[in-house]
PDB file of N, CA and C in Angstrom:
ATOM      1  N   MET A   1      -3.376   4.405  54.244  1.00  0.00           N
ATOM      2  CA  MET A   1      -4.283   5.236  53.482  1.00  0.00           C
ATOM      3  C   MET A   1      -4.357   4.740  52.048  1.00  0.00           C
ATOM      4  N   SER A   2      -5.528   4.847  51.505  1.00  0.00           N
ATOM      5  CA  SER A   2      -5.681   4.420  50.119  1.00  0.00           C
ATOM      6  C   SER A   2      -5.384   5.583  49.187  1.00  0.00           C
ATOM      7  N   PRO A   3      -5.030   5.279  47.935  1.00  0.00           N
ATOM      8  CA  PRO A   3      -4.753   6.344  46.978  1.00  0.00           C
ATOM      9  C   PRO A   3      -5.970   7.245  46.792  1.00  0.00           C
ATOM     10  N   GLY A   4      -5.722   8.518  46.668  1.00  0.00           N
ATOM     11  CA  GLY A   4      -6.806   9.458  46.432  1.00  0.00           C
ATOM     12  C   GLY A   4      -7.502   9.943  47.686  1.00  0.00           C
ATOM     13  N   TRP A   5      -7.160   9.406  48.861  1.00  0.00           N
ATOM     14  CA  TRP A   5      -7.798   9.824  50.095  1.00  0.00           C
ATOM     15  C   TRP A   5      -7.233  11.153  50.533  1.00  0.00           C
ATOM     16  N   SER A   6      -8.086  12.034  50.961  1.00  0.00           N
ATOM     17  CA  SER A   6      -7.648  13.308  51.510  1.00  0.00           C
ATOM     18  C   SER A   6      -8.394  13.551  52.811  1.00  0.00           C
ATOM     19  N   ARG A   7      -7.885  14.416  53.625  1.00  0.00           N
ATOM     20  CA  ARG A   7      -8.537  14.713  54.903  1.00  0.00           C
ATOM     21  C   ARG A   7      -9.903  15.334  54.659  1.00  0.00           C
ATOM     22  N   THR A   8     -10.879  14.870  55.395  1.00  0.00           N
ATOM     23  CA  THR A   8     -12.238  15.382  55.286  1.00  0.00           C
ATOM     24  C   THR A   8     -12.764  15.615  56.691  1.00  0.00           C
ATOM     25  N   PRO A   9     -13.892  16.300  56.823  1.00  0.00           N
ATOM     26  CA  PRO A   9     -14.443  16.525  58.165  1.00  0.00           C
ATOM     27  C   PRO A   9     -14.867  15.225  58.831  1.00  0.00           C
ATOM     28  N   ASN A  10     -14.920  15.262  60.138  1.00  0.00           N
ATOM     29  CA  ASN A  10     -15.415  14.111  60.891  1.00  0.00           C
ATOM     30  C   ASN A  10     -16.934  14.095  60.867  1.00  0.00           C
ATOM     31  N   THR A  11     -17.505  12.917  61.143  1.00  0.00           N
ATOM     32  CA  THR A  11     -18.952  12.787  61.261  1.00  0.00           C
ATOM     33  C   THR A  11     -19.395  13.391  62.587  1.00  0.00           C
ATOM     34  N   LEU A  12     -20.692  13.448  62.818  1.00  0.00           N
ATOM     35  CA  LEU A  12     -21.213  13.995  64.073  1.00  0.00           C
ATOM     36  C   LEU A  12     -20.774  13.180  65.283  1.00  0.00           C
ATOM     37  N   THR A  13     -20.449  11.910  65.073  1.00  0.00           N
ATOM     38  CA  THR A  13     -20.002  11.062  66.178  1.00  0.00           C
ATOM     39  C   THR A  13     -18.498  11.107  66.379  1.00  0.00           C
ATOM     40  N   GLY A  14     -17.794  11.915  65.562  1.00  0.00           N
ATOM     41  CA  GLY A  14     -16.361  12.089  65.742  1.00  0.00           C
ATOM     42  C   GLY A  14     -15.480  11.178  64.911  1.00  0.00           C
ATOM     43  N   TRP A  15     -16.070  10.289  64.132  1.00  0.00           N
ATOM     44  CA  TRP A  15     -15.294   9.381  63.290  1.00  0.00           C
ATOM     45  C   TRP A  15     -14.893  10.089  62.001  1.00  0.00           C
ATOM     46  N   ALA A  16     -13.743   9.737  61.468  1.00  0.00           N
ATOM     47  CA  ALA A  16     -13.299  10.298  60.192  1.00  0.00           C
ATOM     48  C   ALA A  16     -14.230   9.847  59.081  1.00  0.00           C
ATOM     49  N   TYR A  17     -14.526  10.744  58.167  1.00  0.00           N
ATOM     50  CA  TYR A  17     -15.371  10.419  57.011  1.00  0.00           C
ATOM     51  C   TYR A  17     -14.495   9.758  55.964  1.00  0.00           C
ATOM     52  N   ARG A  18     -14.614   8.434  55.815  1.00  0.00           N
ATOM     53  CA  ARG A  18     -13.780   7.651  54.917  1.00  0.00           C
ATOM     54  C   ARG A  18     -14.640   6.696  54.107  1.00  0.00           C
ATOM     55  N   PRO A  19     -15.313   7.171  53.049  1.00  0.00           N
ATOM     56  CA  PRO A  19     -16.158   6.267  52.268  1.00  0.00           C
ATOM     57  C   PRO A  19     -15.380   5.126  51.625  1.00  0.00           C
ATOM     58  N   ASP A  20     -14.085   5.307  51.399  1.00  0.00           N
ATOM     59  CA  ASP A  20     -13.263   4.252  50.807  1.00  0.00           C
ATOM     60  C   ASP A  20     -12.994   3.115  51.786  1.00  0.00           C
ATOM     61  N   ALA A  21     -13.154   3.362  53.090  1.00  0.00           N
ATOM     62  CA  ALA A  21     -12.832   2.354  54.099  1.00  0.00           C
ATOM     63  C   ALA A  21     -13.725   1.119  53.991  1.00  0.00           C
ATOM     64  N   LEU A  22     -14.977   1.294  53.599  1.00  0.00           N
ATOM     65  CA  LEU A  22     -15.864   0.142  53.453  1.00  0.00           C
ATOM     66  C   LEU A  22     -15.340  -0.799  52.378  1.00  0.00           C
ATOM     67  N   GLY A  23     -14.943  -0.259  51.243  1.00  0.00           N
ATOM     68  CA  GLY A  23     -14.398  -1.089  50.169  1.00  0.00           C
ATOM     69  C   GLY A  23     -13.113  -1.789  50.581  1.00  0.00           C
ATOM     70  N   ILE A  24     -12.244  -1.066  51.287  1.00  0.00           N
ATOM     71  CA  ILE A  24     -10.989  -1.650  51.764  1.00  0.00           C
ATOM     72  C   ILE A  24     -11.279  -2.826  52.697  1.00  0.00           C
ATOM     73  N   CYS A  25     -12.214  -2.625  53.609  1.00  0.00           N
ATOM     74  CA  CYS A  25     -12.585  -3.674  54.570  1.00  0.00           C
ATOM     75  C   CYS A  25     -13.189  -4.888  53.875  1.00  0.00           C
ATOM     76  N   LEU A  26     -14.096  -4.639  52.940  1.00  0.00           N
ATOM     77  CA  LEU A  26     -14.745  -5.756  52.245  1.00  0.00           C
ATOM     78  C   LEU A  26     -13.765  -6.550  51.391  1.00  0.00           C
ATOM     79  N   ARG A  27     -12.867  -5.863  50.692  1.00  0.00           N
ATOM     80  CA  ARG A  27     -11.864  -6.586  49.891  1.00  0.00           C
ATOM     81  C   ARG A  27     -10.968  -7.439  50.784  1.00  0.00           C
ATOM     82  N   HIS A  28     -10.592  -6.913  51.949  1.00  0.00           N
ATOM     83  CA  HIS A  28      -9.761  -7.677  52.876  1.00  0.00           C
ATOM     84  C   HIS A  28     -10.526  -8.904  53.394  1.00  0.00           C
ATOM     85  N   ALA A  29     -11.793  -8.693  53.790  1.00  0.00           N
ATOM     86  CA  ALA A  29     -12.587  -9.826  54.288  1.00  0.00           C
ATOM     87  C   ALA A  29     -12.743 -10.906  53.223  1.00  0.00           C
ATOM     88  N   TRP A  30     -12.934 -10.490  51.975  1.00  0.00           N
ATOM     89  CA  TRP A  30     -13.055 -11.458  50.872  1.00  0.00           C
ATOM     90  C   TRP A  30     -11.740 -12.201  50.677  1.00  0.00           C
ATOM     91  N   ASP A  31     -10.633 -11.475  50.685  1.00  0.00           N
ATOM     92  CA  ASP A  31      -9.319 -12.103  50.505  1.00  0.00           C
ATOM     93  C   ASP A  31      -9.029 -13.121  51.596  1.00  0.00           C
ATOM     94  N   VAL A  32      -9.430 -12.814  52.831  1.00  0.00           N
ATOM     95  CA  VAL A  32      -9.134 -13.690  53.968  1.00  0.00           C
ATOM     96  C   VAL A  32     -10.072 -14.891  54.020  1.00  0.00           C
ATOM     97  N   THR A  33     -11.372 -14.670  53.766  1.00  0.00           N
ATOM     98  CA  THR A  33     -12.342 -15.752  53.960  1.00  0.00           C
ATOM     99  C   THR A  33     -12.826 -16.401  52.667  1.00  0.00           C
ATOM    100  N   GLY A  34     -12.876 -15.621  51.581  1.00  0.00           N
ATOM    101  CA  GLY A  34     -13.434 -16.132  50.336  1.00  0.00           C
ATOM    102  C   GLY A  34     -14.946 -16.307  50.383  1.00  0.00           C
ATOM    103  N   LEU A  35     -15.570 -15.813  51.442  1.00  0.00           N
ATOM    104  CA  LEU A  35     -17.018 -15.959  51.605  1.00  0.00           C
ATOM    105  C   LEU A  35     -17.757 -14.780  50.975  1.00  0.00           C
ATOM    106  N   PRO A  36     -18.997 -14.999  50.536  1.00  0.00           N
ATOM    107  CA  PRO A  36     -19.801 -13.888  50.010  1.00  0.00           C
ATOM    108  C   PRO A  36     -20.057 -12.850  51.102  1.00  0.00           C
ATOM    109  N   LEU A  37     -20.133 -11.601  50.706  1.00  0.00           N
ATOM    110  CA  LEU A  37     -20.370 -10.507  51.649  1.00  0.00           C
ATOM    111  C   LEU A  37     -21.609  -9.737  51.222  1.00  0.00           C
ATOM    112  N   LEU A  38     -22.391  -9.295  52.189  1.00  0.00           N
ATOM    113  CA  LEU A  38     -23.600  -8.534  51.916  1.00  0.00           C
ATOM    114  C   LEU A  38     -23.622  -7.303  52.806  1.00  0.00           C
ATOM    115  N   VAL A  39     -23.662  -6.137  52.197  1.00  0.00           N
ATOM    116  CA  VAL A  39     -23.753  -4.888  52.941  1.00  0.00           C
ATOM    117  C   VAL A  39     -25.205  -4.448  52.904  1.00  0.00           C
ATOM    118  N   THR A  40     -25.806  -4.307  54.075  1.00  0.00           N
ATOM    119  CA  THR A  40     -27.209  -3.917  54.116  1.00  0.00           C
ATOM    120  C   THR A  40     -27.394  -2.443  54.410  1.00  0.00           C
ATOM    121  N   GLU A  41     -26.410  -1.803  55.019  1.00  0.00           N
ATOM    122  CA  GLU A  41     -26.502  -0.372  55.299  1.00  0.00           C
ATOM    123  C   GLU A  41     -25.090   0.174  55.483  1.00  0.00           C
ATOM    124  N   SER A  42     -24.860   1.300  54.891  1.00  0.00           N
ATOM    125  CA  SER A  42     -23.589   1.987  55.064  1.00  0.00           C
ATOM    126  C   SER A  42     -23.906   3.468  55.208  1.00  0.00           C
ATOM    127  N   GLY A  43     -24.289   3.854  56.397  1.00  0.00           N
ATOM    128  CA  GLY A  43     -24.726   5.220  56.636  1.00  0.00           C
ATOM    129  C   GLY A  43     -23.600   6.103  57.132  1.00  0.00           C
ATOM    130  N   ILE A  44     -23.956   7.356  57.364  1.00  0.00           N
ATOM    131  CA  ILE A  44     -23.007   8.334  57.875  1.00  0.00           C
ATOM    132  C   ILE A  44     -23.760   9.259  58.828  1.00  0.00           C
ATOM    133  N   ALA A  45     -23.146   9.536  59.961  1.00  0.00           N
ATOM    134  CA  ALA A  45     -23.761  10.427  60.943  1.00  0.00           C
ATOM    135  C   ALA A  45     -23.475  11.871  60.557  1.00  0.00           C
ATOM    136  N   THR A  46     -24.422  12.475  59.844  1.00  0.00           N
ATOM    137  CA  THR A  46     -24.261  13.854  59.405  1.00  0.00           C
ATOM    138  C   THR A  46     -25.621  14.523  59.229  1.00  0.00           C
ATOM    139  N   ASN A  47     -25.624  15.822  59.328  1.00  0.00           N
ATOM    140  CA  ASN A  47     -26.837  16.585  59.025  1.00  0.00           C
ATOM    141  C   ASN A  47     -26.897  16.938  57.543  1.00  0.00           C
ATOM    142  N   ASP A  48     -25.840  16.623  56.802  1.00  0.00           N
ATOM    143  CA  ASP A  48     -25.720  16.984  55.394  1.00  0.00           C
ATOM    144  C   ASP A  48     -25.823  15.721  54.535  1.00  0.00           C
ATOM    145  N   ASP A  49     -26.999  15.445  53.992  1.00  0.00           N
ATOM    146  CA  ASP A  49     -27.202  14.234  53.199  1.00  0.00           C
ATOM    147  C   ASP A  49     -26.396  14.219  51.909  1.00  0.00           C
ATOM    148  N   THR A  50     -25.883  15.349  51.472  1.00  0.00           N
ATOM    149  CA  THR A  50     -25.105  15.361  50.231  1.00  0.00           C
ATOM    150  C   THR A  50     -23.823  14.549  50.376  1.00  0.00           C
ATOM    151  N   LEU A  51     -23.250  14.485  51.581  1.00  0.00           N
ATOM    152  CA  LEU A  51     -22.053  13.653  51.779  1.00  0.00           C
ATOM    153  C   LEU A  51     -22.382  12.185  51.566  1.00  0.00           C
ATOM    154  N   TYR A  52     -23.504  11.727  52.114  1.00  0.00           N
ATOM    155  CA  TYR A  52     -23.926  10.330  51.949  1.00  0.00           C
ATOM    156  C   TYR A  52     -24.304  10.045  50.505  1.00  0.00           C
ATOM    157  N   LEU A  53     -25.098  10.918  49.919  1.00  0.00           N
ATOM    158  CA  LEU A  53     -25.633  10.672  48.581  1.00  0.00           C
ATOM    159  C   LEU A  53     -24.557  10.685  47.506  1.00  0.00           C
ATOM    160  N   LYS A  54     -23.476  11.446  47.678  1.00  0.00           N
ATOM    161  CA  LYS A  54     -22.457  11.490  46.636  1.00  0.00           C
ATOM    162  C   LYS A  54     -21.676  10.178  46.542  1.00  0.00           C
ATOM    163  N   ASP A  55     -21.705   9.371  47.602  1.00  0.00           N
ATOM    164  CA  ASP A  55     -20.988   8.099  47.602  1.00  0.00           C
ATOM    165  C   ASP A  55     -21.887   6.894  47.365  1.00  0.00           C
ATOM    166  N   VAL A  56     -23.186   7.132  47.151  1.00  0.00           N
ATOM    167  CA  VAL A  56     -24.139   6.053  46.876  1.00  0.00           C
ATOM    168  C   VAL A  56     -24.498   6.138  45.393  1.00  0.00           C
ATOM    169  N   PRO A  57     -24.227   5.074  44.631  1.00  0.00           N
ATOM    170  CA  PRO A  57     -24.591   5.113  43.217  1.00  0.00           C
ATOM    171  C   PRO A  57     -26.099   5.258  43.033  1.00  0.00           C
ATOM    172  N   SER A  58     -26.500   6.016  42.038  1.00  0.00           N
ATOM    173  CA  SER A  58     -27.938   6.168  41.790  1.00  0.00           C
ATOM    174  C   SER A  58     -28.468   4.893  41.153  1.00  0.00           C
ATOM    175  N   THR A  59     -29.731   4.600  41.425  1.00  0.00           N
ATOM    176  CA  THR A  59     -30.338   3.386  40.884  1.00  0.00           C
ATOM    177  C   THR A  59     -31.415   3.721  39.895  1.00  0.00           C
TER     178      THR A  59
END
């Protein structure tokens, strides 16, 4: 578990809601491969868009 993580509700598909997991995965992939990484979509299966929007920086 990463620092600051707390238990949250699961998504509609039953997966744990872990917005920090994407960053953890990308940092690990970069450390292992050193290759550029491109994230094209990082969605969440929910009826509540506020969960998704709070973790997406505004542009």
